[in-house]
Amino acid sequence: MAPRLLPRLLFPAIAALALLTGCNNLSGGGDVPSKPTKSVLGGGQRIGDVNGPADWLDPENEDSLGCASPPEENVYITGATIMAVDRFDEVADGAFGNLYVQDTVPAPSEYQGMTIFDPGFTPPDLRVARGDVIDILGVHSEFLGPPAGLFGSCKTLPEIGGTATFRFEGSTTPAKTIPFQELFGYENARRYLGMLVRIENVTLSADPVSSNSALPTGGRYTADIDRTGIDTTGVDVSDFPKISNEIYDILNEGPVLTKGAKWKSVTGIVTYFYGFKIAPRSPDDFVQ
């Protein structure tokens, strides 16, 4: 991995100085300026400004033909925290590189997460990491699924394709702790797509399933979470989230996922592709 750019280290200090001093004379003289201090998060849109409920859902439209999903739109998002960087190619076909970002806030709410699909960078040699705060200039779209098979019922995956630039590092935007049932069904779980969430008292109800056990990574590796005692009325089986290995190699790095395995909590990014997943970022996201 290429080293980070040295100028990045100056940004937190510059941002803090801007907040403290605004346009004041550094000597301490002069009146308090009437002009508001510029936000260190920038003046662009927030993820919550472009993300929201999927009003175009159509349960009767199983093939997602002629959906009323919104057209692509140009966006300029500023001050988004990187919650995860996908550096793991679980299917060995180059499927990695996405960023998962959230609005930079002390207490995350709903519709504040987004997938940045195959981003470019300015400058091109910029390397980003979890906790970095970035701006994204690009196109927001509601992805209906691959041409070979759309998701169905006009379900979509919100994502942005574009270019990321560095703002500052060291964000402590936390995971949002939610009840597991908050992720049951598309309309519920969409509120947290792309966000880092934590669910508690997790038990696996079955051994994991691999899409290609011949791969050293096990391919796409998922495990069902026990729903005993939770009302699941009216929820399609495809809309119950599973634990997945989309972001790191769970099979080889652990923990061992087997039927009956239990954790005090599991943290991960909420993803969607023909169903919802909770994708932990490292073994540290499983707490015994």
C-alpha atoms as a PDB file:
ATOM      1  CA  MET A   1       0.000   0.000   0.000  1.00  0.00           C
ATOM      2  CA  ALA A   2       1.334   3.400  -0.935  1.00  0.00           C
ATOM      3  CA  PRO A   3       2.091   5.743   1.991  1.00  0.00           C
ATOM      4  CA  ARG A   4      -0.428   8.387   2.836  1.00  0.00           C
ATOM      5  CA  LEU A   5       0.190  11.869   1.540  1.00  0.00           C
ATOM      6  CA  LEU A   6       2.043  13.975   4.121  1.00  0.00           C
ATOM      7  CA  PRO A   7      -0.185  17.051   3.630  1.00  0.00           C
ATOM      8  CA  ARG A   8      -3.124  15.079   4.999  1.00  0.00           C
ATOM      9  CA  LEU A   9      -1.666  15.357   8.479  1.00  0.00           C
ATOM     10  CA  LEU A  10      -2.116  19.114   8.381  1.00  0.00           C
ATOM     11  CA  PHE A  11      -5.847  19.098   7.728  1.00  0.00           C
ATOM     12  CA  PRO A  12      -7.144  18.346  11.258  1.00  0.00           C
ATOM     13  CA  ALA A  13      -5.061  21.184  12.694  1.00  0.00           C
ATOM     14  CA  ILE A  14      -6.159  23.578   9.975  1.00  0.00           C
ATOM     15  CA  ALA A  15      -9.813  22.594  10.450  1.00  0.00           C
ATOM     16  CA  ALA A  16      -9.614  23.043  14.208  1.00  0.00           C
ATOM     17  CA  LEU A  17      -7.923  26.411  13.783  1.00  0.00           C
ATOM     18  CA  ALA A  18     -10.674  27.520  11.437  1.00  0.00           C
ATOM     19  CA  LEU A  19     -13.304  26.624  14.005  1.00  0.00           C
ATOM     20  CA  LEU A  20     -11.542  28.425  16.831  1.00  0.00           C
ATOM     21  CA  THR A  21     -10.475  31.573  15.045  1.00  0.00           C
ATOM     22  CA  GLY A  22     -12.822  32.084  12.105  1.00  0.00           C
ATOM     23  CA  CYS A  23     -11.870  35.450  10.647  1.00  0.00           C
ATOM     24  CA  ASN A  24     -10.550  36.865  13.925  1.00  0.00           C
ATOM     25  CA  ASN A  25      -7.220  38.656  14.072  1.00  0.00           C
ATOM     26  CA  LEU A  26      -4.789  36.091  15.513  1.00  0.00           C
ATOM     27  CA  SER A  27      -3.378  38.766  17.806  1.00  0.00           C
ATOM     28  CA  GLY A  28      -6.711  38.830  19.661  1.00  0.00           C
ATOM     29  CA  GLY A  29      -7.720  42.356  18.590  1.00  0.00           C
ATOM     30  CA  GLY A  30     -10.817  43.449  16.766  1.00  0.00           C
ATOM     31  CA  ASP A  31     -14.501  42.706  17.103  1.00  0.00           C
ATOM     32  CA  VAL A  32     -16.036  39.249  16.789  1.00  0.00           C
ATOM     33  CA  PRO A  33     -16.752  38.755  13.080  1.00  0.00           C
ATOM     34  CA  SER A  34     -20.382  38.765  11.984  1.00  0.00           C
ATOM     35  CA  LYS A  35     -19.671  36.301   9.177  1.00  0.00           C
ATOM     36  CA  PRO A  36     -20.382  32.703  10.289  1.00  0.00           C
ATOM     37  CA  THR A  37     -17.444  30.317  10.559  1.00  0.00           C
ATOM     38  CA  LYS A  38     -17.373  27.838   7.693  1.00  0.00           C
ATOM     39  CA  SER A  39     -18.183  24.245   8.659  1.00  0.00           C
ATOM     40  CA  VAL A  40     -15.226  21.880   8.694  1.00  0.00           C
ATOM     41  CA  LEU A  41     -17.545  19.381   6.981  1.00  0.00           C
ATOM     42  CA  GLY A  42     -17.920  21.571   3.915  1.00  0.00           C
ATOM     43  CA  GLY A  43     -20.909  23.217   2.357  1.00  0.00           C
ATOM     44  CA  GLY A  44     -22.079  20.395   0.124  1.00  0.00           C
ATOM     45  CA  GLN A  45     -24.935  17.944   0.506  1.00  0.00           C
ATOM     46  CA  ARG A  46     -25.142  15.333   3.219  1.00  0.00           C
ATOM     47  CA  ILE A  47     -25.954  11.694   2.498  1.00  0.00           C
ATOM     48  CA  GLY A  48     -29.258  12.173   4.297  1.00  0.00           C
ATOM     49  CA  ASP A  49     -30.134  14.842   1.723  1.00  0.00           C
ATOM     50  CA  VAL A  50     -30.038  12.407  -1.197  1.00  0.00           C
ATOM     51  CA  ASN A  51     -31.093   9.164   0.516  1.00  0.00           C
ATOM     52  CA  GLY A  52     -34.543   8.235   1.773  1.00  0.00           C
ATOM     53  CA  PRO A  53     -37.469   5.804   1.585  1.00  0.00           C
ATOM     54  CA  ALA A  54     -38.065   3.875  -1.634  1.00  0.00           C
ATOM     55  CA  ASP A  55     -41.474   5.280  -2.563  1.00  0.00           C
ATOM     56  CA  TRP A  56     -41.294   3.444  -5.891  1.00  0.00           C
ATOM     57  CA  LEU A  57     -41.498  -0.086  -4.427  1.00  0.00           C
ATOM     58  CA  ASP A  58     -44.000  -2.303  -6.242  1.00  0.00           C
ATOM     59  CA  PRO A  59     -44.466  -5.751  -4.648  1.00  0.00           C
ATOM     60  CA  GLU A  60     -46.568  -6.895  -7.622  1.00  0.00           C
ATOM     61  CA  ASN A  61     -43.781  -6.125 -10.102  1.00  0.00           C
ATOM     62  CA  GLU A  62     -41.704  -9.253  -9.581  1.00  0.00           C
ATOM     63  CA  ASP A  63     -39.488  -8.563 -12.621  1.00  0.00           C
ATOM     64  CA  SER A  64     -38.895  -4.859 -11.829  1.00  0.00           C
ATOM     65  CA  LEU A  65     -40.038  -3.789 -15.293  1.00  0.00           C
ATOM     66  CA  GLY A  66     -40.812  -0.094 -15.803  1.00  0.00           C
ATOM     67  CA  CYS A  67     -40.107   0.847 -12.194  1.00  0.00           C
ATOM     68  CA  ALA A  68     -40.709   4.444 -11.149  1.00  0.00           C
ATOM     69  CA  SER A  69     -37.336   4.655  -9.394  1.00  0.00           C
ATOM     70  CA  PRO A  70     -35.711   8.099  -9.650  1.00  0.00           C
ATOM     71  CA  PRO A  71     -33.243   8.934 -12.417  1.00  0.00           C
ATOM     72  CA  GLU A  72     -29.545   9.424 -11.810  1.00  0.00           C
ATOM     73  CA  GLU A  73     -28.588  12.766 -10.293  1.00  0.00           C
ATOM     74  CA  ASN A  74     -25.339  14.661  -9.892  1.00  0.00           C
ATOM     75  CA  VAL A  75     -24.342  15.102  -6.258  1.00  0.00           C
ATOM     76  CA  TYR A  76     -21.610  16.737  -4.234  1.00  0.00           C
ATOM     77  CA  ILE A  77     -21.420  15.152  -0.789  1.00  0.00           C
ATOM     78  CA  THR A  78     -19.067  16.711   1.751  1.00  0.00           C
ATOM     79  CA  GLY A  79     -17.966  15.597   5.190  1.00  0.00           C
ATOM     80  CA  ALA A  80     -18.699  11.863   4.952  1.00  0.00           C
ATOM     81  CA  THR A  81     -16.873   9.437   7.243  1.00  0.00           C
ATOM     82  CA  ILE A  82     -15.452   6.232   5.804  1.00  0.00           C
ATOM     83  CA  MET A  83     -16.817   3.416   7.967  1.00  0.00           C
ATOM     84  CA  ALA A  84     -15.293   0.578   5.931  1.00  0.00           C
ATOM     85  CA  VAL A  85     -13.068   0.015   2.914  1.00  0.00           C
ATOM     86  CA  ASP A  86     -13.701  -3.206   1.003  1.00  0.00           C
ATOM     87  CA  ARG A  87     -10.242  -4.657   0.346  1.00  0.00           C
ATOM     88  CA  PHE A  88     -11.371  -8.303   0.152  1.00  0.00           C
ATOM     89  CA  ASP A  89     -12.185 -10.083  -3.123  1.00  0.00           C
ATOM     90  CA  GLU A  90     -14.330 -12.922  -1.798  1.00  0.00           C
ATOM     91  CA  VAL A  91     -15.284 -14.280  -5.222  1.00  0.00           C
ATOM     92  CA  ALA A  92     -11.842 -13.841  -6.834  1.00  0.00           C
ATOM     93  CA  ASP A  93     -13.177 -11.749  -9.717  1.00  0.00           C
ATOM     94  CA  GLY A  94     -12.034  -8.278  -8.730  1.00  0.00           C
ATOM     95  CA  ALA A  95     -15.125  -7.512  -6.638  1.00  0.00           C
ATOM     96  CA  PHE A  96     -13.595  -5.130  -4.126  1.00  0.00           C
ATOM     97  CA  GLY A  97     -12.707  -1.463  -3.691  1.00  0.00           C
ATOM     98  CA  ASN A  98     -16.065  -0.030  -2.591  1.00  0.00           C
ATOM     99  CA  LEU A  99     -16.235   2.511   0.223  1.00  0.00           C
ATOM    100  CA  TYR A 100     -18.994   2.561   2.817  1.00  0.00           C
ATOM    101  CA  VAL A 101     -19.562   6.061   4.172  1.00  0.00           C
ATOM    102  CA  GLN A 102     -21.881   7.840   6.597  1.00  0.00           C
ATOM    103  CA  ASP A 103     -22.717  11.392   7.468  1.00  0.00           C
ATOM    104  CA  THR A 104     -20.243  12.563  10.101  1.00  0.00           C
ATOM    105  CA  VAL A 105     -22.378  12.914  13.225  1.00  0.00           C
ATOM    106  CA  PRO A 106     -21.983  12.049  16.930  1.00  0.00           C
ATOM    107  CA  ALA A 107     -25.185   9.955  16.942  1.00  0.00           C
ATOM    108  CA  PRO A 108     -26.146   8.336  13.617  1.00  0.00           C
ATOM    109  CA  SER A 109     -29.779   8.339  12.539  1.00  0.00           C
ATOM    110  CA  GLU A 110     -31.481   6.768   9.509  1.00  0.00           C
ATOM    111  CA  TYR A 111     -30.698   7.040   5.778  1.00  0.00           C
ATOM    112  CA  GLN A 112     -27.203   8.350   6.524  1.00  0.00           C
ATOM    113  CA  GLY A 113     -25.191   5.597   4.835  1.00  0.00           C
ATOM    114  CA  MET A 114     -24.102   5.079   1.238  1.00  0.00           C
ATOM    115  CA  THR A 115     -22.053   2.743  -0.913  1.00  0.00           C
ATOM    116  CA  ILE A 116     -19.414   4.513  -3.030  1.00  0.00           C
ATOM    117  CA  PHE A 117     -19.063   2.168  -5.976  1.00  0.00           C
ATOM    118  CA  ASP A 118     -15.590   1.745  -7.476  1.00  0.00           C
ATOM    119  CA  PRO A 119     -14.478   5.296  -6.568  1.00  0.00           C
ATOM    120  CA  GLY A 120     -11.770   7.354  -8.203  1.00  0.00           C
ATOM    121  CA  PHE A 121      -9.513   9.588  -6.116  1.00  0.00           C
ATOM    122  CA  THR A 122      -8.112  13.098  -6.284  1.00  0.00           C
ATOM    123  CA  PRO A 123      -5.133  13.025  -6.318  1.00  0.00           C
ATOM    124  CA  PRO A 124      -4.995   9.589  -8.001  1.00  0.00           C
ATOM    125  CA  ASP A 125      -2.431   8.242  -5.502  1.00  0.00           C
ATOM    126  CA  LEU A 126      -4.605   9.094  -2.478  1.00  0.00           C
ATOM    127  CA  ARG A 127      -5.104   6.173  -0.093  1.00  0.00           C
ATOM    128  CA  VAL A 128      -7.998   6.315   2.352  1.00  0.00           C
ATOM    129  CA  ALA A 129      -8.833   4.362   5.488  1.00  0.00           C
ATOM    130  CA  ARG A 130     -11.550   3.901   8.057  1.00  0.00           C
ATOM    131  CA  GLY A 131     -12.101   7.137   9.996  1.00  0.00           C
ATOM    132  CA  ASP A 132     -11.115   9.423   7.132  1.00  0.00           C
ATOM    133  CA  VAL A 133     -13.593  12.151   6.213  1.00  0.00           C
ATOM    134  CA  ILE A 134     -14.011  12.703   2.489  1.00  0.00           C
ATOM    135  CA  ASP A 135     -15.985  14.616  -0.118  1.00  0.00           C
ATOM    136  CA  ILE A 136     -17.566  12.806  -3.075  1.00  0.00           C
ATOM    137  CA  LEU A 137     -18.364  14.349  -6.436  1.00  0.00           C
ATOM    138  CA  GLY A 138     -20.329  11.996  -8.642  1.00  0.00           C
ATOM    139  CA  VAL A 139     -23.633  10.473  -9.658  1.00  0.00           C
ATOM    140  CA  HIS A 140     -26.210   9.067  -7.267  1.00  0.00           C
ATOM    141  CA  SER A 141     -28.327   6.219  -8.628  1.00  0.00           C
ATOM    142  CA  GLU A 142     -30.802   3.615  -7.451  1.00  0.00           C
ATOM    143  CA  PHE A 143     -29.394   0.352  -8.839  1.00  0.00           C
ATOM    144  CA  LEU A 144     -32.169  -2.082  -9.799  1.00  0.00           C
ATOM    145  CA  GLY A 145     -29.809  -5.032 -10.107  1.00  0.00           C
ATOM    146  CA  PRO A 146     -27.765  -6.709 -12.847  1.00  0.00           C
ATOM    147  CA  PRO A 147     -29.354  -6.984 -16.313  1.00  0.00           C
ATOM    148  CA  ALA A 148     -29.237 -10.769 -15.998  1.00  0.00           C
ATOM    149  CA  GLY A 149     -31.633 -10.621 -13.057  1.00  0.00           C
ATOM    150  CA  LEU A 150     -33.053  -7.520 -11.404  1.00  0.00           C
ATOM    151  CA  PHE A 151     -33.729  -7.524  -7.664  1.00  0.00           C
ATOM    152  CA  GLY A 152     -37.508  -7.652  -8.138  1.00  0.00           C
ATOM    153  CA  SER A 153     -40.421  -5.612  -6.767  1.00  0.00           C
ATOM    154  CA  CYS A 154     -38.518  -2.453  -7.823  1.00  0.00           C
ATOM    155  CA  LYS A 155     -36.084  -2.873  -4.920  1.00  0.00           C
ATOM    156  CA  THR A 156     -32.910  -0.873  -5.436  1.00  0.00           C
ATOM    157  CA  LEU A 157     -29.464  -0.355  -3.973  1.00  0.00           C
ATOM    158  CA  PRO A 158     -28.601   3.340  -3.503  1.00  0.00           C
ATOM    159  CA  GLU A 159     -25.033   4.074  -4.516  1.00  0.00           C
ATOM    160  CA  ILE A 160     -22.756   6.818  -5.766  1.00  0.00           C
ATOM    161  CA  GLY A 161     -20.131   6.496  -8.465  1.00  0.00           C
ATOM    162  CA  GLY A 162     -17.582   9.261  -8.585  1.00  0.00           C
ATOM    163  CA  THR A 163     -14.409  10.773  -7.179  1.00  0.00           C
ATOM    164  CA  ALA A 164     -13.397  11.062  -3.521  1.00  0.00           C
ATOM    165  CA  THR A 165     -11.178  13.800  -2.099  1.00  0.00           C
ATOM    166  CA  PHE A 166      -9.707  13.894   1.389  1.00  0.00           C
ATOM    167  CA  ARG A 167     -10.983  16.399   3.985  1.00  0.00           C
ATOM    168  CA  PHE A 168      -9.480  15.255   7.315  1.00  0.00           C
ATOM    169  CA  GLU A 169      -8.833  12.099   9.334  1.00  0.00           C
ATOM    170  CA  GLY A 170      -9.757  10.873  12.785  1.00  0.00           C
ATOM    171  CA  SER A 171     -13.563  10.815  12.703  1.00  0.00           C
ATOM    172  CA  THR A 172     -15.147   8.855  15.552  1.00  0.00           C
ATOM    173  CA  THR A 173     -18.607   8.475  14.012  1.00  0.00           C
ATOM    174  CA  PRO A 174     -19.935   5.414  15.881  1.00  0.00           C
ATOM    175  CA  ALA A 175     -21.933   2.351  14.930  1.00  0.00           C
ATOM    176  CA  LYS A 176     -25.664   2.602  15.539  1.00  0.00           C
ATOM    177  CA  THR A 177     -26.980  -0.074  17.918  1.00  0.00           C
ATOM    178  CA  ILE A 178     -30.365  -1.354  16.746  1.00  0.00           C
ATOM    179  CA  PRO A 179     -32.667  -4.297  17.523  1.00  0.00           C
ATOM    180  CA  PHE A 180     -32.167  -7.127  15.031  1.00  0.00           C
ATOM    181  CA  GLN A 181     -35.790  -6.893  13.864  1.00  0.00           C
ATOM    182  CA  GLU A 182     -35.121  -3.360  12.620  1.00  0.00           C
ATOM    183  CA  LEU A 183     -33.465  -5.086   9.653  1.00  0.00           C
ATOM    184  CA  PHE A 184     -36.431  -7.317   8.742  1.00  0.00           C
ATOM    185  CA  GLY A 185     -37.938  -6.477   5.366  1.00  0.00           C
ATOM    186  CA  TYR A 186     -36.677  -4.181   2.640  1.00  0.00           C
ATOM    187  CA  GLU A 187     -38.396  -0.991   3.786  1.00  0.00           C
ATOM    188  CA  ASN A 188     -37.084  -1.373   7.333  1.00  0.00           C
ATOM    189  CA  ALA A 189     -33.534  -2.369   6.442  1.00  0.00           C
ATOM    190  CA  ARG A 190     -33.157   0.252   3.708  1.00  0.00           C
ATOM    191  CA  ARG A 191     -32.973   2.895   6.451  1.00  0.00           C
ATOM    192  CA  TYR A 192     -29.572   1.491   7.423  1.00  0.00           C
ATOM    193  CA  LEU A 193     -28.113   0.530   4.041  1.00  0.00           C
ATOM    194  CA  GLY A 194     -24.429   1.414   3.867  1.00  0.00           C
ATOM    195  CA  MET A 195     -24.360   2.223   7.583  1.00  0.00           C
ATOM    196  CA  LEU A 196     -22.380   0.602  10.383  1.00  0.00           C
ATOM    197  CA  VAL A 197     -24.789  -1.033  12.827  1.00  0.00           C
ATOM    198  CA  ARG A 198     -24.443  -3.171  15.934  1.00  0.00           C
ATOM    199  CA  ILE A 199     -26.879  -5.933  16.894  1.00  0.00           C
ATOM    200  CA  GLU A 200     -26.759  -7.650  20.277  1.00  0.00           C
ATOM    201  CA  ASN A 201     -27.214 -11.204  21.614  1.00  0.00           C
ATOM    202  CA  VAL A 202     -26.490 -12.879  18.280  1.00  0.00           C
ATOM    203  CA  THR A 203     -26.797 -16.643  17.748  1.00  0.00           C
ATOM    204  CA  LEU A 204     -26.297 -18.434  14.431  1.00  0.00           C
ATOM    205  CA  SER A 205     -29.213 -20.670  13.481  1.00  0.00           C
ATOM    206  CA  ALA A 206     -27.320 -22.717  10.876  1.00  0.00           C
ATOM    207  CA  ASP A 207     -23.866 -23.484   9.588  1.00  0.00           C
ATOM    208  CA  PRO A 208     -22.648 -20.968   7.001  1.00  0.00           C
ATOM    209  CA  VAL A 209     -23.246 -21.467   3.299  1.00  0.00           C
ATOM    210  CA  SER A 210     -20.519 -20.892   0.720  1.00  0.00           C
ATOM    211  CA  SER A 211     -21.093 -19.917  -2.902  1.00  0.00           C
ATOM    212  CA  ASN A 212     -17.836 -21.601  -3.924  1.00  0.00           C
ATOM    213  CA  SER A 213     -16.177 -23.787  -1.308  1.00  0.00           C
ATOM    214  CA  ALA A 214     -13.302 -24.501  -3.723  1.00  0.00           C
ATOM    215  CA  LEU A 215     -11.980 -20.967  -3.219  1.00  0.00           C
ATOM    216  CA  PRO A 216      -9.539 -20.456  -0.314  1.00  0.00           C
ATOM    217  CA  THR A 217     -11.901 -17.751   0.947  1.00  0.00           C
ATOM    218  CA  GLY A 218     -15.014 -19.902   0.562  1.00  0.00           C
ATOM    219  CA  GLY A 219     -16.519 -17.545  -1.984  1.00  0.00           C
ATOM    220  CA  ARG A 220     -19.484 -15.556  -0.727  1.00  0.00           C
ATOM    221  CA  TYR A 221     -19.812 -16.890   2.769  1.00  0.00           C
ATOM    222  CA  THR A 222     -23.042 -16.256   4.701  1.00  0.00           C
ATOM    223  CA  ALA A 223     -24.624 -17.450   7.932  1.00  0.00           C
ATOM    224  CA  ASP A 224     -28.227 -17.169   9.131  1.00  0.00           C
ATOM    225  CA  ILE A 225     -28.952 -15.365  12.403  1.00  0.00           C
ATOM    226  CA  ASP A 226     -31.425 -16.936  14.816  1.00  0.00           C
ATOM    227  CA  ARG A 227     -34.845 -15.210  14.898  1.00  0.00           C
ATOM    228  CA  THR A 228     -36.457 -17.283  17.667  1.00  0.00           C
ATOM    229  CA  GLY A 229     -38.983 -15.261  19.641  1.00  0.00           C
ATOM    230  CA  ILE A 230     -39.142 -12.398  17.121  1.00  0.00           C
ATOM    231  CA  ASP A 231     -42.323 -11.726  15.150  1.00  0.00           C
ATOM    232  CA  THR A 232     -41.507 -12.303  11.456  1.00  0.00           C
ATOM    233  CA  THR A 233     -45.047 -12.122  10.091  1.00  0.00           C
ATOM    234  CA  GLY A 234     -45.201 -10.901   6.509  1.00  0.00           C
ATOM    235  CA  VAL A 235     -41.431 -10.776   5.947  1.00  0.00           C
ATOM    236  CA  ASP A 236     -40.066 -12.639   2.918  1.00  0.00           C
ATOM    237  CA  VAL A 237     -37.281 -15.089   3.734  1.00  0.00           C
ATOM    238  CA  SER A 238     -34.917 -13.208   1.404  1.00  0.00           C
ATOM    239  CA  ASP A 239     -35.335 -10.095   3.552  1.00  0.00           C
ATOM    240  CA  PHE A 240     -33.857 -11.563   6.727  1.00  0.00           C
ATOM    241  CA  PRO A 241     -30.239 -10.379   7.021  1.00  0.00           C
ATOM    242  CA  LYS A 242     -27.332 -12.780   7.272  1.00  0.00           C
ATOM    243  CA  ILE A 243     -23.724 -12.343   8.378  1.00  0.00           C
ATOM    244  CA  SER A 244     -21.414 -12.175   5.354  1.00  0.00           C
ATOM    245  CA  ASN A 245     -17.739 -12.037   4.436  1.00  0.00           C
ATOM    246  CA  GLU A 246     -18.010  -9.175   1.932  1.00  0.00           C
ATOM    247  CA  ILE A 247     -15.415  -6.980   3.630  1.00  0.00           C
ATOM    248  CA  TYR A 248     -12.932  -9.398   5.202  1.00  0.00           C
ATOM    249  CA  ASP A 249     -11.980 -13.081   5.044  1.00  0.00           C
ATOM    250  CA  ILE A 250     -14.004 -14.524   7.927  1.00  0.00           C
ATOM    251  CA  LEU A 251     -13.319 -18.119   6.877  1.00  0.00           C
ATOM    252  CA  ASN A 252      -9.552 -17.798   7.264  1.00  0.00           C
ATOM    253  CA  GLU A 253      -9.281 -14.969   9.809  1.00  0.00           C
ATOM    254  CA  GLY A 254     -12.111 -16.020  12.137  1.00  0.00           C
ATOM    255  CA  PRO A 255     -14.124 -16.293  14.161  1.00  0.00           C
ATOM    256  CA  VAL A 256     -15.475 -19.738  13.328  1.00  0.00           C
ATOM    257  CA  LEU A 257     -19.074 -19.482  12.175  1.00  0.00           C
ATOM    258  CA  THR A 258     -21.047 -22.605  13.111  1.00  0.00           C
ATOM    259  CA  LYS A 259     -24.618 -23.335  14.104  1.00  0.00           C
ATOM    260  CA  GLY A 260     -25.144 -22.269  17.709  1.00  0.00           C
ATOM    261  CA  ALA A 261     -22.207 -19.854  17.837  1.00  0.00           C
ATOM    262  CA  LYS A 262     -23.039 -16.888  20.070  1.00  0.00           C
ATOM    263  CA  TRP A 263     -21.769 -13.345  20.538  1.00  0.00           C
ATOM    264  CA  LYS A 264     -22.689 -10.529  22.864  1.00  0.00           C
ATOM    265  CA  SER A 265     -22.752  -8.278  19.803  1.00  0.00           C
ATOM    266  CA  VAL A 266     -21.858  -8.237  16.114  1.00  0.00           C
ATOM    267  CA  THR A 267     -21.045  -5.014  14.254  1.00  0.00           C
ATOM    268  CA  GLY A 268     -21.004  -4.607  10.485  1.00  0.00           C
ATOM    269  CA  ILE A 269     -22.032  -2.676   7.400  1.00  0.00           C
ATOM    270  CA  VAL A 270     -25.581  -3.265   6.160  1.00  0.00           C
ATOM    271  CA  THR A 271     -25.340  -4.298   2.493  1.00  0.00           C
ATOM    272  CA  TYR A 272     -27.843  -5.420  -0.115  1.00  0.00           C
ATOM    273  CA  PHE A 273     -27.606  -7.704  -3.141  1.00  0.00           C
ATOM    274  CA  TYR A 274     -30.658  -9.948  -3.598  1.00  0.00           C
ATOM    275  CA  GLY A 275     -30.959  -9.800   0.167  1.00  0.00           C
ATOM    276  CA  PHE A 276     -29.578  -8.036   3.214  1.00  0.00           C
ATOM    277  CA  LYS A 277     -26.267  -8.792   4.883  1.00  0.00           C
ATOM    278  CA  ILE A 278     -24.387  -7.561   7.917  1.00  0.00           C
ATOM    279  CA  ALA A 279     -20.734  -7.419   6.849  1.00  0.00           C
ATOM    280  CA  PRO A 280     -18.254  -7.197   9.766  1.00  0.00           C
ATOM    281  CA  ARG A 281     -14.952  -5.427   9.043  1.00  0.00           C
ATOM    282  CA  SER A 282     -12.576  -7.540  11.136  1.00  0.00           C
ATOM    283  CA  PRO A 283     -12.647 -10.164  13.918  1.00  0.00           C
ATOM    284  CA  ASP A 284     -12.896  -7.264  16.388  1.00  0.00           C
ATOM    285  CA  ASP A 285     -16.479  -6.693  15.245  1.00  0.00           C
ATOM    286  CA  PHE A 286     -17.498  -9.963  16.945  1.00  0.00           C
ATOM    287  CA  VAL A 287     -17.696  -9.440  20.722  1.00  0.00           C
ATOM    288  CA  GLN A 288     -18.036 -12.459  23.029  1.00  0.00           C
END
